[in-house]
Structures are given as structure tokens and as C-alpha cells.
Amino acid sequence: MQKRSFVSIKQEPNEKYKDKFTGDFIIKNVLDKNDSNEQEMYYVTFKDGCRTRPHIHASEQILIATEGRGIVVFAKRIMIDPDDITKTEIAIEKTVMMEKGDVICIPAFMLHWHGCK
């Protein structure tokens, strides 16, 4: 068990995560394999307009807005045309706006994306 400060955690190389985001971001891995084999925790700063690509998690994901404004979009499904990716259709279930201090728990296996508004 280690005590850590968000301030002292080193930034991860963006190249390692670039396929998971659109736009500019800063990511810090708060926990590593020495801390937990079951949990992952990241401190992510989304720059203006940055968001994650649509994704799911095998367990719940908790988002905490520490500053600024963000958005979380829950999708029912994504239909991708293999012949023309620009014809992708997304059925949105719900959109939630976040502000400093807000916490959202995203259920396991819920298709979603999130980012800076």
C-alpha cells in the first residue's frame, strides 16, 4: 500500500493511449499492478473538445469532475458501415453534462464515451 498525490504522479506517454481518445489529453496512471490487480485508476485531463472513443468496461467506471465542464454520452448501439465508416450511425440513449464536483457511476458493459465540453 502506497500513499500518492495526484500532483506527483508522472504523466503517461500519450502515444500509449492515443487510440482511445480524440483530441488532446493528459493521462496519469494513479494505480499500477503493485497497488491492485483488480482496479484501474487514471487521472485524466481532457483539453477542449477532447473525448474518448466509444467503449465499454467489464466493471463499473466512476468519473469525477475536478474542474471545468464535461459530457458523458450513453449509446444503445453503434452501426458501422464496413464499406464507408463515415456512414456510422449512433443511437444515443442519454447525455449527461458534468461540472466541477459531479460524480457519475457508469454501469458495467454500458456503451459510452466522455470528454470535455
N, C-alpha and C. Protein backbone atom coordinates (compact mmCIF):
# COMPACT_ATOMS: atom_id res chain seq x y z
N MET A 1 0.84 -1.17 0.00
CA MET A 1 0.00 0.00 0.00
C MET A 1 0.89 1.24 0.00
N GLN A 2 0.56 2.15 -0.91
CA GLN A 2 1.33 3.38 -1.00
C GLN A 2 0.41 4.58 -0.96
N LYS A 3 0.89 5.64 -0.36
CA LYS A 3 0.18 6.91 -0.39
C LYS A 3 0.71 7.69 -1.58
N ARG A 4 -0.21 8.29 -2.34
CA ARG A 4 0.20 9.06 -3.51
C ARG A 4 -0.52 10.40 -3.55
N SER A 5 0.05 11.32 -4.27
CA SER A 5 -0.57 12.62 -4.52
C SER A 5 -0.77 12.74 -6.03
N PHE A 6 -1.92 13.24 -6.45
CA PHE A 6 -2.16 13.44 -7.87
C PHE A 6 -1.10 14.36 -8.48
N VAL A 7 -0.60 15.28 -7.69
CA VAL A 7 0.38 16.25 -8.18
C VAL A 7 1.69 15.57 -8.56
N SER A 8 2.09 14.55 -7.81
CA SER A 8 3.40 13.92 -8.03
C SER A 8 3.37 12.74 -9.00
N ILE A 9 2.20 12.32 -9.44
CA ILE A 9 2.11 11.19 -10.37
C ILE A 9 2.59 11.64 -11.75
N LYS A 10 3.45 10.84 -12.35
CA LYS A 10 4.02 11.19 -13.66
C LYS A 10 2.98 11.00 -14.77
N GLN A 11 3.06 11.88 -15.74
CA GLN A 11 2.20 11.77 -16.91
C GLN A 11 2.63 10.59 -17.75
N GLU A 12 1.65 9.82 -18.22
CA GLU A 12 1.92 8.70 -19.13
C GLU A 12 2.13 9.25 -20.54
N PRO A 13 2.89 8.56 -21.38
CA PRO A 13 3.04 9.00 -22.78
C PRO A 13 1.69 8.91 -23.50
N ASN A 14 1.28 9.99 -24.16
CA ASN A 14 0.00 9.99 -24.87
C ASN A 14 -0.06 8.95 -25.98
N GLU A 15 1.08 8.61 -26.57
CA GLU A 15 1.10 7.63 -27.66
C GLU A 15 0.51 6.29 -27.20
N LYS A 16 0.70 5.96 -25.94
CA LYS A 16 0.21 4.69 -25.39
C LYS A 16 -1.32 4.62 -25.41
N TYR A 17 -1.99 5.77 -25.35
CA TYR A 17 -3.45 5.82 -25.24
C TYR A 17 -4.12 6.52 -26.41
N LYS A 18 -3.37 6.94 -27.42
CA LYS A 18 -3.92 7.79 -28.47
C LYS A 18 -5.08 7.14 -29.24
N ASP A 19 -5.14 5.82 -29.30
CA ASP A 19 -6.25 5.16 -30.00
C ASP A 19 -7.54 5.19 -29.18
N LYS A 20 -7.46 5.60 -27.93
CA LYS A 20 -8.63 5.65 -27.05
C LYS A 20 -9.26 7.03 -26.96
N PHE A 21 -8.60 8.06 -27.51
CA PHE A 21 -9.06 9.44 -27.40
C PHE A 21 -9.07 10.13 -28.76
N THR A 22 -9.91 11.16 -28.86
CA THR A 22 -9.83 12.10 -29.98
C THR A 22 -9.50 13.45 -29.37
N GLY A 23 -8.49 14.11 -29.83
CA GLY A 23 -8.11 15.40 -29.27
C GLY A 23 -6.96 15.28 -28.27
N ASP A 24 -6.67 16.40 -27.62
CA ASP A 24 -5.54 16.47 -26.70
C ASP A 24 -5.96 16.14 -25.27
N PHE A 25 -5.09 15.41 -24.57
CA PHE A 25 -5.38 14.98 -23.21
C PHE A 25 -4.08 14.76 -22.46
N ILE A 26 -4.20 14.71 -21.14
CA ILE A 26 -3.10 14.33 -20.25
C ILE A 26 -3.62 13.18 -19.41
N ILE A 27 -2.85 12.10 -19.29
CA ILE A 27 -3.29 10.95 -18.52
C ILE A 27 -2.21 10.54 -17.53
N LYS A 28 -2.65 10.26 -16.31
CA LYS A 28 -1.75 9.80 -15.25
C LYS A 28 -2.32 8.51 -14.68
N ASN A 29 -1.50 7.47 -14.60
CA ASN A 29 -1.92 6.20 -14.04
C ASN A 29 -1.74 6.26 -12.52
N VAL A 30 -2.84 6.35 -11.79
CA VAL A 30 -2.79 6.51 -10.34
C VAL A 30 -2.40 5.21 -9.65
N LEU A 31 -2.97 4.09 -10.11
CA LEU A 31 -2.67 2.78 -9.55
C LEU A 31 -1.92 1.94 -10.57
N ASP A 32 -0.99 1.12 -10.11
CA ASP A 32 -0.34 0.17 -11.01
C ASP A 32 -0.50 -1.24 -10.44
N LYS A 33 0.10 -2.22 -11.10
CA LYS A 33 -0.05 -3.63 -10.69
C LYS A 33 0.44 -3.88 -9.27
N ASN A 34 1.35 -3.05 -8.77
CA ASN A 34 1.82 -3.20 -7.40
C ASN A 34 0.76 -2.78 -6.39
N ASP A 35 -0.17 -1.93 -6.83
CA ASP A 35 -1.23 -1.44 -5.95
C ASP A 35 -2.46 -2.33 -5.98
N SER A 36 -2.86 -2.76 -7.19
CA SER A 36 -4.10 -3.51 -7.34
C SER A 36 -4.06 -4.37 -8.60
N ASN A 37 -4.49 -5.60 -8.46
CA ASN A 37 -4.64 -6.49 -9.62
C ASN A 37 -6.04 -6.40 -10.21
N GLU A 38 -6.95 -5.74 -9.49
CA GLU A 38 -8.35 -5.72 -9.89
C GLU A 38 -8.85 -4.36 -10.36
N GLN A 39 -8.25 -3.29 -9.87
CA GLN A 39 -8.76 -1.95 -10.17
C GLN A 39 -7.77 -1.15 -11.01
N GLU A 40 -8.31 -0.29 -11.85
CA GLU A 40 -7.51 0.68 -12.58
C GLU A 40 -8.00 2.06 -12.19
N MET A 41 -7.08 3.00 -12.04
CA MET A 41 -7.47 4.36 -11.73
C MET A 41 -6.56 5.32 -12.48
N TYR A 42 -7.20 6.23 -13.22
CA TYR A 42 -6.46 7.21 -14.01
C TYR A 42 -6.94 8.61 -13.65
N TYR A 43 -6.02 9.55 -13.70
CA TYR A 43 -6.35 10.96 -13.55
C TYR A 43 -6.15 11.55 -14.94
N VAL A 44 -7.27 11.90 -15.59
CA VAL A 44 -7.23 12.33 -16.98
C VAL A 44 -7.67 13.79 -17.08
N THR A 45 -6.91 14.58 -17.80
CA THR A 45 -7.29 15.95 -18.12
C THR A 45 -7.63 15.99 -19.60
N PHE A 46 -8.88 16.33 -19.91
CA PHE A 46 -9.33 16.46 -21.29
C PHE A 46 -9.17 17.91 -21.70
N LYS A 47 -8.47 18.16 -22.79
CA LYS A 47 -8.36 19.51 -23.33
C LYS A 47 -9.65 19.82 -24.10
N ASP A 48 -9.89 21.10 -24.43
CA ASP A 48 -11.13 21.50 -25.10
C ASP A 48 -11.45 20.61 -26.29
N GLY A 49 -12.66 20.05 -26.29
CA GLY A 49 -13.13 19.23 -27.39
C GLY A 49 -12.65 17.79 -27.39
N CYS A 50 -11.77 17.43 -26.49
CA CYS A 50 -11.26 16.05 -26.43
C CYS A 50 -12.33 15.13 -25.85
N ARG A 51 -12.37 13.90 -26.32
CA ARG A 51 -13.26 12.89 -25.75
C ARG A 51 -12.66 11.51 -25.97
N THR A 52 -13.21 10.55 -25.27
CA THR A 52 -12.80 9.17 -25.50
C THR A 52 -13.56 8.64 -26.71
N ARG A 53 -13.06 7.59 -27.28
CA ARG A 53 -13.82 6.89 -28.32
C ARG A 53 -14.87 6.04 -27.61
N PRO A 54 -15.97 5.69 -28.29
CA PRO A 54 -16.99 4.84 -27.65
C PRO A 54 -16.36 3.54 -27.14
N HIS A 55 -16.74 3.16 -25.93
CA HIS A 55 -16.15 1.97 -25.31
C HIS A 55 -17.05 1.42 -24.20
N ILE A 56 -16.68 0.24 -23.71
CA ILE A 56 -17.35 -0.37 -22.56
C ILE A 56 -16.27 -0.83 -21.59
N HIS A 57 -16.69 -1.13 -20.37
CA HIS A 57 -15.80 -1.69 -19.35
C HIS A 57 -16.46 -2.93 -18.77
N ALA A 58 -15.65 -3.88 -18.33
CA ALA A 58 -16.17 -5.11 -17.72
C ALA A 58 -16.65 -4.87 -16.29
N SER A 59 -16.31 -3.72 -15.72
CA SER A 59 -16.81 -3.35 -14.39
C SER A 59 -17.25 -1.89 -14.44
N GLU A 60 -17.84 -1.42 -13.36
CA GLU A 60 -18.29 -0.03 -13.33
C GLU A 60 -17.12 0.93 -13.51
N GLN A 61 -17.42 2.09 -14.06
CA GLN A 61 -16.43 3.16 -14.17
C GLN A 61 -16.98 4.37 -13.43
N ILE A 62 -16.14 4.97 -12.61
CA ILE A 62 -16.55 6.16 -11.87
C ILE A 62 -15.79 7.36 -12.42
N LEU A 63 -16.55 8.37 -12.81
CA LEU A 63 -15.97 9.62 -13.31
C LEU A 63 -16.17 10.70 -12.26
N ILE A 64 -15.13 11.47 -11.98
CA ILE A 64 -15.19 12.57 -11.03
C ILE A 64 -14.69 13.82 -11.74
N ALA A 65 -15.54 14.83 -11.84
CA ALA A 65 -15.14 16.08 -12.47
C ALA A 65 -14.42 16.95 -11.43
N THR A 66 -13.15 17.21 -11.67
CA THR A 66 -12.37 18.00 -10.71
C THR A 66 -12.31 19.47 -11.10
N GLU A 67 -12.59 19.77 -12.37
CA GLU A 67 -12.68 21.16 -12.82
C GLU A 67 -13.30 21.19 -14.21
N GLY A 68 -13.75 22.35 -14.63
CA GLY A 68 -14.30 22.51 -15.97
C GLY A 68 -15.67 21.87 -16.15
N ARG A 69 -16.02 21.66 -17.43
CA ARG A 69 -17.30 21.05 -17.78
C ARG A 69 -17.05 19.87 -18.70
N GLY A 70 -17.83 18.83 -18.51
CA GLY A 70 -17.67 17.63 -19.32
C GLY A 70 -19.00 17.09 -19.79
N ILE A 71 -18.91 16.05 -20.59
CA ILE A 71 -20.10 15.41 -21.12
C ILE A 71 -19.88 13.90 -21.10
N VAL A 72 -20.95 13.17 -20.79
CA VAL A 72 -20.95 11.71 -20.86
C VAL A 72 -22.12 11.33 -21.74
N VAL A 73 -21.87 10.52 -22.75
CA VAL A 73 -22.92 10.09 -23.68
C VAL A 73 -23.05 8.58 -23.59
N PHE A 74 -24.28 8.13 -23.32
CA PHE A 74 -24.58 6.70 -23.26
C PHE A 74 -25.27 6.32 -24.57
N ALA A 75 -24.79 5.26 -25.21
CA ALA A 75 -25.33 4.84 -26.50
C ALA A 75 -26.00 3.48 -26.40
N LYS A 76 -27.07 3.30 -27.16
CA LYS A 76 -27.73 1.99 -27.23
C LYS A 76 -26.94 1.06 -28.15
N ARG A 77 -26.49 1.63 -29.27
CA ARG A 77 -25.74 0.82 -30.24
C ARG A 77 -25.02 1.74 -31.23
N ILE A 78 -24.04 1.16 -31.88
CA ILE A 78 -23.33 1.85 -32.96
C ILE A 78 -23.35 0.93 -34.17
N MET A 79 -23.83 1.45 -35.28
CA MET A 79 -23.87 0.69 -36.53
C MET A 79 -22.80 1.27 -37.45
N ILE A 80 -21.81 0.46 -37.80
CA ILE A 80 -20.71 0.92 -38.65
C ILE A 80 -20.83 0.27 -40.02
N ASP A 81 -20.83 1.09 -41.05
CA ASP A 81 -20.85 0.59 -42.42
C ASP A 81 -19.42 0.21 -42.78
N PRO A 82 -19.12 -1.09 -42.97
CA PRO A 82 -17.75 -1.51 -43.24
C PRO A 82 -17.20 -0.96 -44.56
N ASP A 83 -18.09 -0.56 -45.46
CA ASP A 83 -17.66 -0.02 -46.74
C ASP A 83 -17.42 1.49 -46.70
N ASP A 84 -18.03 2.16 -45.71
CA ASP A 84 -17.87 3.61 -45.61
C ASP A 84 -18.06 4.03 -44.15
N ILE A 85 -16.96 4.14 -43.43
CA ILE A 85 -17.01 4.44 -42.00
C ILE A 85 -17.68 5.77 -41.70
N THR A 86 -17.73 6.68 -42.68
CA THR A 86 -18.39 7.97 -42.47
C THR A 86 -19.90 7.82 -42.34
N LYS A 87 -20.42 6.66 -42.69
CA LYS A 87 -21.86 6.40 -42.58
C LYS A 87 -22.22 5.72 -41.26
N THR A 88 -21.39 5.87 -40.26
CA THR A 88 -21.64 5.29 -38.95
C THR A 88 -22.87 5.93 -38.31
N GLU A 89 -23.75 5.09 -37.75
CA GLU A 89 -24.95 5.58 -37.06
C GLU A 89 -24.85 5.25 -35.58
N ILE A 90 -25.17 6.23 -34.75
CA ILE A 90 -25.11 6.05 -33.30
C ILE A 90 -26.49 6.34 -32.72
N ALA A 91 -27.02 5.36 -31.98
CA ALA A 91 -28.30 5.55 -31.29
C ALA A 91 -27.99 5.97 -29.85
N ILE A 92 -28.20 7.25 -29.55
CA ILE A 92 -27.89 7.78 -28.22
C ILE A 92 -29.05 7.53 -27.27
N GLU A 93 -28.72 7.00 -26.11
CA GLU A 93 -29.72 6.73 -25.08
C GLU A 93 -29.88 7.91 -24.13
N LYS A 94 -28.75 8.50 -23.73
CA LYS A 94 -28.80 9.57 -22.73
C LYS A 94 -27.51 10.38 -22.79
N THR A 95 -27.62 11.68 -22.54
CA THR A 95 -26.47 12.57 -22.45
C THR A 95 -26.51 13.26 -21.10
N VAL A 96 -25.38 13.25 -20.40
CA VAL A 96 -25.29 13.86 -19.07
C VAL A 96 -24.16 14.89 -19.09
N MET A 97 -24.47 16.10 -18.65
CA MET A 97 -23.45 17.15 -18.54
C MET A 97 -22.83 17.07 -17.15
N MET A 98 -21.52 17.31 -17.07
CA MET A 98 -20.82 17.28 -15.79
C MET A 98 -20.18 18.64 -15.52
N GLU A 99 -20.15 19.01 -14.25
CA GLU A 99 -19.45 20.21 -13.81
C GLU A 99 -18.58 19.84 -12.62
N LYS A 100 -17.72 20.73 -12.24
CA LYS A 100 -16.81 20.51 -11.11
C LYS A 100 -17.58 19.97 -9.90
N GLY A 101 -17.09 18.86 -9.36
CA GLY A 101 -17.70 18.24 -8.19
C GLY A 101 -18.67 17.12 -8.50
N ASP A 102 -19.09 16.98 -9.75
CA ASP A 102 -20.03 15.92 -10.12
C ASP A 102 -19.34 14.56 -10.18
N VAL A 103 -20.10 13.52 -9.83
CA VAL A 103 -19.62 12.14 -9.88
C VAL A 103 -20.66 11.32 -10.64
N ILE A 104 -20.21 10.51 -11.57
CA ILE A 104 -21.09 9.63 -12.33
C ILE A 104 -20.53 8.22 -12.27
N CYS A 105 -21.40 7.25 -11.96
CA CYS A 105 -21.03 5.84 -11.98
C CYS A 105 -21.63 5.22 -13.23
N ILE A 106 -20.79 4.76 -14.13
CA ILE A 106 -21.23 4.16 -15.39
C ILE A 106 -21.29 2.65 -15.18
N PRO A 107 -22.46 2.04 -15.41
CA PRO A 107 -22.60 0.59 -15.20
C PRO A 107 -21.68 -0.22 -16.12
N ALA A 108 -21.33 -1.40 -15.67
CA ALA A 108 -20.52 -2.32 -16.48
C ALA A 108 -21.23 -2.61 -17.79
N PHE A 109 -20.47 -2.75 -18.85
CA PHE A 109 -20.94 -3.11 -20.19
C PHE A 109 -21.88 -2.08 -20.81
N MET A 110 -21.88 -0.85 -20.30
CA MET A 110 -22.68 0.23 -20.88
C MET A 110 -21.82 0.95 -21.92
N LEU A 111 -22.27 0.95 -23.16
CA LEU A 111 -21.55 1.63 -24.24
C LEU A 111 -21.63 3.14 -24.00
N HIS A 112 -20.47 3.80 -23.98
CA HIS A 112 -20.45 5.22 -23.66
C HIS A 112 -19.16 5.88 -24.15
N TRP A 113 -19.13 7.19 -24.07
CA TRP A 113 -17.91 7.97 -24.24
C TRP A 113 -18.06 9.24 -23.41
N HIS A 114 -16.94 9.88 -23.13
CA HIS A 114 -16.96 11.07 -22.29
C HIS A 114 -15.80 11.97 -22.65
N GLY A 115 -15.94 13.23 -22.27
CA GLY A 115 -14.88 14.17 -22.56
C GLY A 115 -15.19 15.57 -22.12
N CYS A 116 -14.44 16.52 -22.65
CA CYS A 116 -14.54 17.93 -22.29
C CYS A 116 -15.56 18.61 -23.19
N LYS A 117 -16.40 19.41 -22.62
CA LYS A 117 -17.42 20.13 -23.38
C LYS A 117 -16.87 21.46 -23.84
